[in-house]
Each structure stands twice: as C-alpha cells, then as structure tokens.
Amino acid sequence: IHINEDMMETLTLEEKISWVESSPTKVFDIDPTTQQVVIVDPEAYT
C-alpha cells in the first residue's frame, strides 16, 4: 500500500476521516497528533 502524501495534504480533516472510514476493515487510521493518515494494518485489506 502506497499513499500519495502530497495529494493527501490537500484534504481536510473531515475528508480524511470520511476516506479512512470508507474501508470496511481497519487498514487506515488518523494519527491524533499529526492528523496524518497512517497505515495501521495492511494485512486487514481485503
């Protein structure tokens, strides 16, 4: 899994949360400190 960090920076926090929650499994999450999207469990991807 590769996230385009430059493109991700153009999203608002609400858009990031919406994008993360679109995954049926817990693959991504929001870092509470940096508010960056991080990969928490790549093997959960189906």
All heavy atoms as atom14 arrays in JSON, in Angstrom:
{
  "sequence": "IHINEDMMETLTLEEKISWVESSPTKVFDIDPTTQQVVIVDPEAYT",
  "atom14_mask": [
    [1, 1, 1, 1, 1, 1, 1, 1, 0, 0, 0, 0, 0, 0],
    [1, 1, 1, 1, 1, 1, 1, 1, 1, 1, 0, 0, 0, 0],
    [1, 1, 1, 1, 1, 1, 1, 1, 0, 0, 0, 0, 0, 0],
    [1, 1, 1, 1, 1, 1, 1, 1, 0, 0, 0, 0, 0, 0],
    [1, 1, 1, 1, 1, 1, 1, 1, 1, 0, 0, 0, 0, 0],
    [1, 1, 1, 1, 1, 1, 1, 1, 0, 0, 0, 0, 0, 0],
    [1, 1, 1, 1, 1, 1, 1, 1, 0, 0, 0, 0, 0, 0],
    [1, 1, 1, 1, 1, 1, 1, 1, 0, 0, 0, 0, 0, 0],
    [1, 1, 1, 1, 1, 1, 1, 1, 1, 0, 0, 0, 0, 0],
    [1, 1, 1, 1, 1, 1, 1, 0, 0, 0, 0, 0, 0, 0],
    [1, 1, 1, 1, 1, 1, 1, 1, 0, 0, 0, 0, 0, 0],
    [1, 1, 1, 1, 1, 1, 1, 0, 0, 0, 0, 0, 0, 0],
    [1, 1, 1, 1, 1, 1, 1, 1, 0, 0, 0, 0, 0, 0],
    [1, 1, 1, 1, 1, 1, 1, 1, 1, 0, 0, 0, 0, 0],
    [1, 1, 1, 1, 1, 1, 1, 1, 1, 0, 0, 0, 0, 0],
    [1, 1, 1, 1, 1, 1, 1, 1, 1, 0, 0, 0, 0, 0],
    [1, 1, 1, 1, 1, 1, 1, 1, 0, 0, 0, 0, 0, 0],
    [1, 1, 1, 1, 1, 1, 0, 0, 0, 0, 0, 0, 0, 0],
    [1, 1, 1, 1, 1, 1, 1, 1, 1, 1, 1, 1, 1, 1],
    [1, 1, 1, 1, 1, 1, 1, 0, 0, 0, 0, 0, 0, 0],
    [1, 1, 1, 1, 1, 1, 1, 1, 1, 0, 0, 0, 0, 0],
    [1, 1, 1, 1, 1, 1, 0, 0, 0, 0, 0, 0, 0, 0],
    [1, 1, 1, 1, 1, 1, 0, 0, 0, 0, 0, 0, 0, 0],
    [1, 1, 1, 1, 1, 1, 1, 0, 0, 0, 0, 0, 0, 0],
    [1, 1, 1, 1, 1, 1, 1, 0, 0, 0, 0, 0, 0, 0],
    [1, 1, 1, 1, 1, 1, 1, 1, 1, 0, 0, 0, 0, 0],
    [1, 1, 1, 1, 1, 1, 1, 0, 0, 0, 0, 0, 0, 0],
    [1, 1, 1, 1, 1, 1, 1, 1, 1, 1, 1, 0, 0, 0],
    [1, 1, 1, 1, 1, 1, 1, 1, 0, 0, 0, 0, 0, 0],
    [1, 1, 1, 1, 1, 1, 1, 1, 0, 0, 0, 0, 0, 0],
    [1, 1, 1, 1, 1, 1, 1, 1, 0, 0, 0, 0, 0, 0],
    [1, 1, 1, 1, 1, 1, 1, 0, 0, 0, 0, 0, 0, 0],
    [1, 1, 1, 1, 1, 1, 1, 0, 0, 0, 0, 0, 0, 0],
    [1, 1, 1, 1, 1, 1, 1, 0, 0, 0, 0, 0, 0, 0],
    [1, 1, 1, 1, 1, 1, 1, 1, 1, 0, 0, 0, 0, 0],
    [1, 1, 1, 1, 1, 1, 1, 1, 1, 0, 0, 0, 0, 0],
    [1, 1, 1, 1, 1, 1, 1, 0, 0, 0, 0, 0, 0, 0],
    [1, 1, 1, 1, 1, 1, 1, 0, 0, 0, 0, 0, 0, 0],
    [1, 1, 1, 1, 1, 1, 1, 1, 0, 0, 0, 0, 0, 0],
    [1, 1, 1, 1, 1, 1, 1, 0, 0, 0, 0, 0, 0, 0],
    [1, 1, 1, 1, 1, 1, 1, 1, 0, 0, 0, 0, 0, 0],
    [1, 1, 1, 1, 1, 1, 1, 0, 0, 0, 0, 0, 0, 0],
    [1, 1, 1, 1, 1, 1, 1, 1, 1, 0, 0, 0, 0, 0],
    [1, 1, 1, 1, 1, 0, 0, 0, 0, 0, 0, 0, 0, 0],
    [1, 1, 1, 1, 1, 1, 1, 1, 1, 1, 1, 1, 0, 0],
    [1, 1, 1, 1, 1, 1, 1, 0, 0, 0, 0, 0, 0, 0]
  ],
  "atom14_positions": [
    [[0.84, -1.2, 0.0], [0.0, 0.0, 0.0], [0.87, 1.25, 0.0], [1.79, 1.38, 0.83], [-0.94, 0.01, 1.22], [-1.79, -1.26, 1.25], [-1.82, 1.26, 1.21], [-2.65, -1.39, 2.5], [0.0, 0.0, 0.0], [0.0, 0.0, 0.0], [0.0, 0.0, 0.0], [0.0, 0.0, 0.0], [0.0, 0.0, 0.0], [0.0, 0.0, 0.0]],
    [[0.59, 2.17, -0.94], [1.33, 3.42, -1.03], [0.33, 4.59, -1.05], [-0.55, 4.65, -1.93], [2.19, 3.47, -2.3], [3.24, 2.41, -2.34], [4.44, 2.52, -1.68], [3.25, 1.21, -2.98], [5.15, 1.42, -1.9], [4.46, 0.61, -2.68], [0.0, 0.0, 0.0], [0.0, 0.0, 0.0], [0.0, 0.0, 0.0], [0.0, 0.0, 0.0]],
    [[0.47, 5.51, -0.1], [-0.38, 6.7, -0.04], [0.37, 7.87, -0.66], [1.55, 8.09, -0.37], [-0.76, 7.02, 1.42], [-1.6, 5.9, 2.03], [-1.52, 8.35, 1.51], [-1.91, 6.07, 3.5], [0.0, 0.0, 0.0], [0.0, 0.0, 0.0], [0.0, 0.0, 0.0], [0.0, 0.0, 0.0], [0.0, 0.0, 0.0], [0.0, 0.0, 0.0]],
    [[-0.31, 8.62, -1.52], [0.26, 9.83, -2.1], [0.15, 10.94, -1.06], [-0.91, 11.56, -0.89], [-0.5, 10.2, -3.38], [0.15, 11.34, -4.13], [0.69, 12.27, -3.53], [0.08, 11.29, -5.45], [0.0, 0.0, 0.0], [0.0, 0.0, 0.0], [0.0, 0.0, 0.0], [0.0, 0.0, 0.0], [0.0, 0.0, 0.0], [0.0, 0.0, 0.0]],
    [[1.25, 11.17, -0.35], [1.23, 12.11, 0.78], [0.92, 13.54, 0.33], [0.21, 14.28, 1.02], [2.58, 12.08, 1.52], [2.92, 10.73, 2.14], [1.99, 10.35, 3.29], [1.23, 11.23, 3.74], [2.02, 9.19, 3.72], [0.0, 0.0, 0.0], [0.0, 0.0, 0.0], [0.0, 0.0, 0.0], [0.0, 0.0, 0.0], [0.0, 0.0, 0.0]],
    [[1.44, 13.94, -0.83], [1.19, 15.31, -1.32], [-0.29, 15.52, -1.59], [-0.86, 16.57, -1.23], [2.0, 15.56, -2.59], [3.5, 15.58, -2.32], [3.88, 15.85, -1.16], [4.28, 15.3, -3.26], [0.0, 0.0, 0.0], [0.0, 0.0, 0.0], [0.0, 0.0, 0.0], [0.0, 0.0, 0.0], [0.0, 0.0, 0.0], [0.0, 0.0, 0.0]],
    [[-0.92, 14.52, -2.21], [-2.35, 14.64, -2.5], [-3.17, 14.55, -1.21], [-4.2, 15.24, -1.07], [-2.76, 13.54, -3.48], [-4.12, 13.75, -4.12], [-4.5, 12.5, -5.37], [-3.26, 12.87, -6.61], [0.0, 0.0, 0.0], [0.0, 0.0, 0.0], [0.0, 0.0, 0.0], [0.0, 0.0, 0.0], [0.0, 0.0, 0.0], [0.0, 0.0, 0.0]],
    [[-2.73, 13.74, -0.26], [-3.45, 13.6, 0.99], [-3.46, 14.92, 1.77], [-4.43, 15.24, 2.47], [-2.82, 12.48, 1.84], [-3.58, 12.11, 3.1], [-5.22, 11.41, 2.77], [-4.76, 9.79, 2.15], [0.0, 0.0, 0.0], [0.0, 0.0, 0.0], [0.0, 0.0, 0.0], [0.0, 0.0, 0.0], [0.0, 0.0, 0.0], [0.0, 0.0, 0.0]],
    [[-2.38, 15.72, 1.63], [-2.29, 17.0, 2.34], [-3.34, 18.01, 1.86], [-3.68, 18.95, 2.58], [-0.88, 17.59, 2.15], [0.2, 16.92, 2.98], [-0.04, 17.07, 4.47], [-0.49, 18.14, 4.9], [0.18, 16.09, 5.2], [0.0, 0.0, 0.0], [0.0, 0.0, 0.0], [0.0, 0.0, 0.0], [0.0, 0.0, 0.0], [0.0, 0.0, 0.0]],
    [[-3.87, 17.8, 0.66], [-4.87, 18.72, 0.13], [-6.26, 18.47, 0.7], [-7.18, 19.26, 0.47], [-4.92, 18.61, -1.41], [-5.36, 17.3, -1.77], [-3.55, 18.87, -2.02], [0.0, 0.0, 0.0], [0.0, 0.0, 0.0], [0.0, 0.0, 0.0], [0.0, 0.0, 0.0], [0.0, 0.0, 0.0], [0.0, 0.0, 0.0], [0.0, 0.0, 0.0]],
    [[-6.42, 17.35, 1.44], [-7.73, 17.01, 2.01], [-7.9, 17.65, 3.38], [-6.93, 17.82, 4.13], [-7.89, 15.49, 2.15], [-7.8, 14.64, 0.87], [-8.02, 13.17, 1.22], [-8.82, 15.09, -0.16], [0.0, 0.0, 0.0], [0.0, 0.0, 0.0], [0.0, 0.0, 0.0], [0.0, 0.0, 0.0], [0.0, 0.0, 0.0], [0.0, 0.0, 0.0]],
    [[-9.14, 18.0, 3.7], [-9.45, 18.48, 5.04], [-9.51, 17.29, 6.0], [-9.55, 16.14, 5.58], [-10.8, 19.22, 5.06], [-11.84, 18.27, 4.73], [-10.81, 20.36, 4.04], [0.0, 0.0, 0.0], [0.0, 0.0, 0.0], [0.0, 0.0, 0.0], [0.0, 0.0, 0.0], [0.0, 0.0, 0.0], [0.0, 0.0, 0.0], [0.0, 0.0, 0.0]],
    [[-9.54, 17.59, 7.29], [-9.6, 16.51, 8.29], [-10.88, 15.69, 8.13], [-10.85, 14.46, 8.24], [-9.53, 17.11, 9.7], [-9.59, 16.09, 10.86], [-8.45, 15.09, 10.76], [-9.59, 16.82, 12.2], [0.0, 0.0, 0.0], [0.0, 0.0, 0.0], [0.0, 0.0, 0.0], [0.0, 0.0, 0.0], [0.0, 0.0, 0.0], [0.0, 0.0, 0.0]],
    [[-12.01, 16.38, 7.83], [-13.27, 15.67, 7.64], [-13.19, 14.74, 6.43], [-13.7, 13.6, 6.46], [-14.43, 16.66, 7.46], [-14.83, 17.43, 8.72], [-13.8, 18.52, 9.07], [-12.99, 18.89, 8.18], [-13.81, 18.98, 10.23], [0.0, 0.0, 0.0], [0.0, 0.0, 0.0], [0.0, 0.0, 0.0], [0.0, 0.0, 0.0], [0.0, 0.0, 0.0]],
    [[-12.55, 15.19, 5.36], [-12.41, 14.35, 4.17], [-11.49, 13.14, 4.45], [-11.75, 12.04, 3.98], [-11.84, 15.17, 3.01], [-12.84, 16.18, 2.43], [-12.21, 17.05, 1.36], [-11.01, 17.4, 1.49], [-12.91, 17.38, 0.38], [0.0, 0.0, 0.0], [0.0, 0.0, 0.0], [0.0, 0.0, 0.0], [0.0, 0.0, 0.0], [0.0, 0.0, 0.0]],
    [[-10.45, 13.38, 5.24], [-9.56, 12.27, 5.59], [-10.32, 11.21, 6.41], [-10.19, 10.0, 6.16], [-8.36, 12.78, 6.4], [-7.38, 13.6, 5.6], [-6.25, 14.11, 6.48], [-5.26, 14.96, 5.7], [-4.18, 15.49, 6.59], [0.0, 0.0, 0.0], [0.0, 0.0, 0.0], [0.0, 0.0, 0.0], [0.0, 0.0, 0.0], [0.0, 0.0, 0.0]],
    [[-11.11, 11.67, 7.39], [-11.88, 10.75, 8.22], [-12.87, 9.97, 7.36], [-13.03, 8.75, 7.5], [-12.6, 11.51, 9.35], [-11.58, 12.1, 10.33], [-13.59, 10.61, 10.08], [-12.18, 13.01, 11.38], [0.0, 0.0, 0.0], [0.0, 0.0, 0.0], [0.0, 0.0, 0.0], [0.0, 0.0, 0.0], [0.0, 0.0, 0.0], [0.0, 0.0, 0.0]],
    [[-13.54, 10.67, 6.44], [-14.51, 10.02, 5.55], [-13.82, 8.97, 4.68], [-14.36, 7.88, 4.46], [-15.2, 11.07, 4.68], [-16.05, 10.46, 3.74], [0.0, 0.0, 0.0], [0.0, 0.0, 0.0], [0.0, 0.0, 0.0], [0.0, 0.0, 0.0], [0.0, 0.0, 0.0], [0.0, 0.0, 0.0], [0.0, 0.0, 0.0], [0.0, 0.0, 0.0]],
    [[-12.63, 9.3, 4.21], [-11.89, 8.36, 3.36], [-11.43, 7.12, 4.15], [-11.57, 6.0, 3.69], [-10.67, 9.06, 2.75], [-9.89, 8.18, 1.81], [-10.19, 7.89, 0.53], [-8.69, 7.47, 2.13], [-9.24, 7.04, 0.0], [-8.31, 6.76, 0.96], [-7.89, 7.37, 3.26], [-7.18, 5.97, 0.9], [-6.77, 6.57, 3.22], [-6.42, 5.88, 2.05]],
    [[-10.94, 7.36, 5.37], [-10.5, 6.25, 6.22], [-11.67, 5.33, 6.55], [-11.54, 4.1, 6.52], [-9.85, 6.79, 7.52], [-9.69, 5.68, 8.55], [-8.5, 7.42, 7.21], [0.0, 0.0, 0.0], [0.0, 0.0, 0.0], [0.0, 0.0, 0.0], [0.0, 0.0, 0.0], [0.0, 0.0, 0.0], [0.0, 0.0, 0.0], [0.0, 0.0, 0.0]],
    [[-12.83, 5.91, 6.85], [-13.99, 5.11, 7.24], [-14.63, 4.38, 6.07], [-15.48, 3.51, 6.27], [-15.03, 6.01, 7.92], [-14.58, 6.52, 9.28], [-15.58, 7.46, 9.92], [-16.52, 7.9, 9.2], [-15.43, 7.76, 11.13], [0.0, 0.0, 0.0], [0.0, 0.0, 0.0], [0.0, 0.0, 0.0], [0.0, 0.0, 0.0], [0.0, 0.0, 0.0]],
    [[-14.23, 4.72, 4.84], [-14.79, 4.01, 3.67], [-14.26, 2.59, 3.56], [-14.85, 1.77, 2.87], [-14.48, 4.79, 2.38], [-13.08, 4.74, 2.1], [0.0, 0.0, 0.0], [0.0, 0.0, 0.0], [0.0, 0.0, 0.0], [0.0, 0.0, 0.0], [0.0, 0.0, 0.0], [0.0, 0.0, 0.0], [0.0, 0.0, 0.0], [0.0, 0.0, 0.0]],
    [[-13.15, 2.31, 4.25], [-12.6, 0.95, 4.22], [-13.39, 0.07, 5.18], [-13.57, 0.41, 6.35], [-11.13, 0.97, 4.63], [-10.62, -0.36, 4.7], [0.0, 0.0, 0.0], [0.0, 0.0, 0.0], [0.0, 0.0, 0.0], [0.0, 0.0, 0.0], [0.0, 0.0, 0.0], [0.0, 0.0, 0.0], [0.0, 0.0, 0.0], [0.0, 0.0, 0.0]],
    [[-13.89, -1.09, 4.71], [-14.68, -1.98, 5.59], [-13.86, -2.54, 6.74], [-14.42, -2.92, 7.76], [-15.14, -3.1, 4.66], [-14.91, -2.61, 3.26], [-13.8, -1.62, 3.34], [0.0, 0.0, 0.0], [0.0, 0.0, 0.0], [0.0, 0.0, 0.0], [0.0, 0.0, 0.0], [0.0, 0.0, 0.0], [0.0, 0.0, 0.0], [0.0, 0.0, 0.0]],
    [[-12.56, -2.62, 6.58], [-11.68, -3.14, 7.63], [-10.73, -2.04, 8.09], [-10.52, -1.05, 7.39], [-10.87, -4.35, 7.12], [-10.21, -3.99, 5.9], [-11.79, -5.54, 6.87], [0.0, 0.0, 0.0], [0.0, 0.0, 0.0], [0.0, 0.0, 0.0], [0.0, 0.0, 0.0], [0.0, 0.0, 0.0], [0.0, 0.0, 0.0], [0.0, 0.0, 0.0]],
    [[-10.16, -2.23, 9.27], [-9.32, -1.19, 9.89], [-7.91, -1.24, 9.31], [-6.96, -1.74, 9.92], [-9.28, -1.42, 11.4], [-8.67, -0.28, 12.2], [-9.57, 0.93, 12.25], [-9.03, 1.98, 13.21], [-9.85, 3.2, 13.25], [0.0, 0.0, 0.0], [0.0, 0.0, 0.0], [0.0, 0.0, 0.0], [0.0, 0.0, 0.0], [0.0, 0.0, 0.0]],
    [[-7.78, -0.71, 8.08], [-6.47, -0.67, 7.42], [-5.78, 0.66, 7.72], [-4.57, 0.7, 7.97], [-6.63, -0.85, 5.9], [-5.26, -0.82, 5.22], [-7.34, -2.16, 5.6], [0.0, 0.0, 0.0], [0.0, 0.0, 0.0], [0.0, 0.0, 0.0], [0.0, 0.0, 0.0], [0.0, 0.0, 0.0], [0.0, 0.0, 0.0], [0.0, 0.0, 0.0]],
    [[-6.55, 1.74, 7.72], [-6.0, 3.09, 7.91], [-6.56, 3.72, 9.18], [-7.62, 3.32, 9.69], [-6.35, 3.98, 6.71], [-5.98, 3.4, 5.38], [-6.92, 2.7, 4.63], [-4.7, 3.54, 4.86], [-6.6, 2.16, 3.4], [-4.35, 3.01, 3.64], [-5.3, 2.32, 2.9], [0.0, 0.0, 0.0], [0.0, 0.0, 0.0], [0.0, 0.0, 0.0]],
    [[-5.86, 4.73, 9.67], [-6.34, 5.49, 10.82], [-5.76, 6.9, 10.75], [-4.86, 7.18, 9.95], [-5.95, 4.8, 12.12], [-6.86, 5.21, 13.27], [-7.73, 6.09, 13.07], [-6.7, 4.66, 14.38], [0.0, 0.0, 0.0], [0.0, 0.0, 0.0], [0.0, 0.0, 0.0], [0.0, 0.0, 0.0], [0.0, 0.0, 0.0], [0.0, 0.0, 0.0]],
    [[-6.27, 7.77, 11.6], [-5.78, 9.15, 11.68], [-4.88, 9.28, 12.91], [-5.29, 8.94, 14.02], [-6.95, 10.15, 11.79], [-7.93, 10.0, 10.62], [-6.41, 11.58, 11.87], [-7.41, 10.44, 9.3], [0.0, 0.0, 0.0], [0.0, 0.0, 0.0], [0.0, 0.0, 0.0], [0.0, 0.0, 0.0], [0.0, 0.0, 0.0], [0.0, 0.0, 0.0]],
    [[-3.66, 9.74, 12.71], [-2.76, 9.99, 13.83], [-3.31, 11.18, 14.62], [-3.44, 12.29, 14.06], [-1.35, 10.29, 13.32], [-0.33, 10.36, 14.43], [-0.6, 11.08, 15.42], [0.72, 9.7, 14.31], [0.0, 0.0, 0.0], [0.0, 0.0, 0.0], [0.0, 0.0, 0.0], [0.0, 0.0, 0.0], [0.0, 0.0, 0.0], [0.0, 0.0, 0.0]],
    [[-3.65, 11.0, 15.9], [-4.26, 12.11, 16.67], [-3.32, 13.3, 16.86], [-3.78, 14.42, 17.09], [-4.59, 11.45, 18.02], [-3.69, 10.26, 18.12], [-3.48, 9.79, 16.72], [0.0, 0.0, 0.0], [0.0, 0.0, 0.0], [0.0, 0.0, 0.0], [0.0, 0.0, 0.0], [0.0, 0.0, 0.0], [0.0, 0.0, 0.0], [0.0, 0.0, 0.0]],
    [[-2.03, 13.08, 16.76], [-1.07, 14.17, 16.98], [-0.86, 14.99, 15.71], [-1.0, 16.22, 15.69], [0.28, 13.61, 17.47], [0.06, 12.81, 18.63], [1.24, 14.75, 17.8], [0.0, 0.0, 0.0], [0.0, 0.0, 0.0], [0.0, 0.0, 0.0], [0.0, 0.0, 0.0], [0.0, 0.0, 0.0], [0.0, 0.0, 0.0], [0.0, 0.0, 0.0]],
    [[-0.55, 14.28, 14.61], [-0.22, 14.98, 13.36], [-1.41, 15.11, 12.43], [-1.33, 15.84, 11.43], [0.89, 14.22, 12.63], [0.42, 12.89, 12.27], [2.12, 14.07, 13.52], [0.0, 0.0, 0.0], [0.0, 0.0, 0.0], [0.0, 0.0, 0.0], [0.0, 0.0, 0.0], [0.0, 0.0, 0.0], [0.0, 0.0, 0.0], [0.0, 0.0, 0.0]],
    [[-2.49, 14.38, 12.73], [-3.69, 14.35, 11.88], [-3.37, 13.86, 10.47], [-4.04, 14.23, 9.5], [-4.36, 15.74, 11.83], [-4.89, 16.19, 13.19], [-5.68, 17.49, 13.1], [-5.67, 18.17, 12.08], [-6.4, 17.82, 14.16], [0.0, 0.0, 0.0], [0.0, 0.0, 0.0], [0.0, 0.0, 0.0], [0.0, 0.0, 0.0], [0.0, 0.0, 0.0]],
    [[-2.35, 13.01, 10.39], [-1.99, 12.38, 9.12], [-2.65, 11.01, 9.03], [-2.86, 10.33, 10.04], [-0.46, 12.21, 9.02], [0.32, 13.52, 9.05], [0.09, 14.35, 7.8], [0.03, 13.81, 6.7], [-0.04, 15.65, 7.97], [0.0, 0.0, 0.0], [0.0, 0.0, 0.0], [0.0, 0.0, 0.0], [0.0, 0.0, 0.0], [0.0, 0.0, 0.0]],
    [[-2.95, 10.59, 7.8], [-3.47, 9.24, 7.58], [-2.3, 8.26, 7.64], [-1.29, 8.45, 6.96], [-4.19, 9.13, 6.22], [-4.62, 7.69, 5.95], [-5.39, 10.06, 6.18], [0.0, 0.0, 0.0], [0.0, 0.0, 0.0], [0.0, 0.0, 0.0], [0.0, 0.0, 0.0], [0.0, 0.0, 0.0], [0.0, 0.0, 0.0], [0.0, 0.0, 0.0]],
    [[-2.44, 7.22, 8.47], [-1.38, 6.22, 8.62], [-1.94, 4.83, 8.34], [-3.14, 4.59, 8.5], [-0.76, 6.26, 10.04], [0.0, 7.56, 10.26], [-1.82, 6.07, 11.11], [0.0, 0.0, 0.0], [0.0, 0.0, 0.0], [0.0, 0.0, 0.0], [0.0, 0.0, 0.0], [0.0, 0.0, 0.0], [0.0, 0.0, 0.0], [0.0, 0.0, 0.0]],
    [[-1.07, 3.95, 7.91], [-1.45, 2.55, 7.66], [-1.22, 1.78, 8.96], [-0.08, 1.68, 9.43], [-0.62, 1.95, 6.52], [-0.79, 2.78, 5.25], [-1.01, 0.5, 6.28], [0.19, 2.41, 4.14], [0.0, 0.0, 0.0], [0.0, 0.0, 0.0], [0.0, 0.0, 0.0], [0.0, 0.0, 0.0], [0.0, 0.0, 0.0], [0.0, 0.0, 0.0]],
    [[-2.29, 1.25, 9.55], [-2.16, 0.56, 10.83], [-2.1, -0.96, 10.67], [-1.45, -1.65, 11.44], [-3.31, 0.95, 11.79], [-3.17, 2.39, 12.22], [-4.68, 0.7, 11.16], [0.0, 0.0, 0.0], [0.0, 0.0, 0.0], [0.0, 0.0, 0.0], [0.0, 0.0, 0.0], [0.0, 0.0, 0.0], [0.0, 0.0, 0.0], [0.0, 0.0, 0.0]],
    [[-2.79, -1.5, 9.67], [-2.8, -2.96, 9.48], [-3.01, -3.27, 8.0], [-4.14, -3.49, 7.56], [-3.92, -3.59, 10.32], [-3.86, -5.11, 10.3], [-2.91, -5.66, 9.71], [-4.76, -5.75, 10.86], [0.0, 0.0, 0.0], [0.0, 0.0, 0.0], [0.0, 0.0, 0.0], [0.0, 0.0, 0.0], [0.0, 0.0, 0.0], [0.0, 0.0, 0.0]],
    [[-1.93, -3.3, 7.23], [-2.08, -3.54, 5.78], [-2.69, -4.91, 5.46], [-3.39, -5.07, 4.46], [-0.65, -3.45, 5.25], [0.24, -3.62, 6.43], [-0.53, -3.09, 7.6], [0.0, 0.0, 0.0], [0.0, 0.0, 0.0], [0.0, 0.0, 0.0], [0.0, 0.0, 0.0], [0.0, 0.0, 0.0], [0.0, 0.0, 0.0], [0.0, 0.0, 0.0]],
    [[-2.48, -5.9, 6.35], [-2.99, -7.24, 6.07], [-4.49, -7.36, 6.29], [-5.1, -8.37, 5.93], [-2.25, -8.27, 6.92], [-0.81, -8.45, 6.47], [0.01, -9.2, 7.48], [-0.58, -9.96, 8.27], [1.24, -9.04, 7.48], [0.0, 0.0, 0.0], [0.0, 0.0, 0.0], [0.0, 0.0, 0.0], [0.0, 0.0, 0.0], [0.0, 0.0, 0.0]],
    [[-5.09, -6.33, 6.89], [-6.55, -6.34, 7.05], [-7.25, -5.99, 5.74], [-8.46, -6.16, 5.61], [-6.97, -5.34, 8.14], [0.0, 0.0, 0.0], [0.0, 0.0, 0.0], [0.0, 0.0, 0.0], [0.0, 0.0, 0.0], [0.0, 0.0, 0.0], [0.0, 0.0, 0.0], [0.0, 0.0, 0.0], [0.0, 0.0, 0.0], [0.0, 0.0, 0.0]],
    [[-6.49, -5.51, 4.76], [-7.08, -5.14, 3.47], [-7.59, -6.38, 2.75], [-6.89, -7.39, 2.65], [-6.05, -4.42, 2.6], [-6.61, -3.89, 1.3], [-7.56, -2.88, 1.3], [-6.21, -4.43, 0.08], [-8.09, -2.39, 0.13], [-6.73, -3.95, -1.11], [-7.68, -2.93, -1.08], [-8.2, -2.46, -2.26], [0.0, 0.0, 0.0], [0.0, 0.0, 0.0]],
    [[-8.81, -6.31, 2.25], [-9.46, -7.47, 1.63], [-9.59, -7.33, 0.11], [-10.39, -8.04, -0.51], [-10.85, -7.69, 2.24], [-11.64, -6.5, 2.09], [-10.75, -8.03, 3.72], [0.0, 0.0, 0.0], [0.0, 0.0, 0.0], [0.0, 0.0, 0.0], [0.0, 0.0, 0.0], [0.0, 0.0, 0.0], [0.0, 0.0, 0.0], [0.0, 0.0, 0.0]]
  ]
}
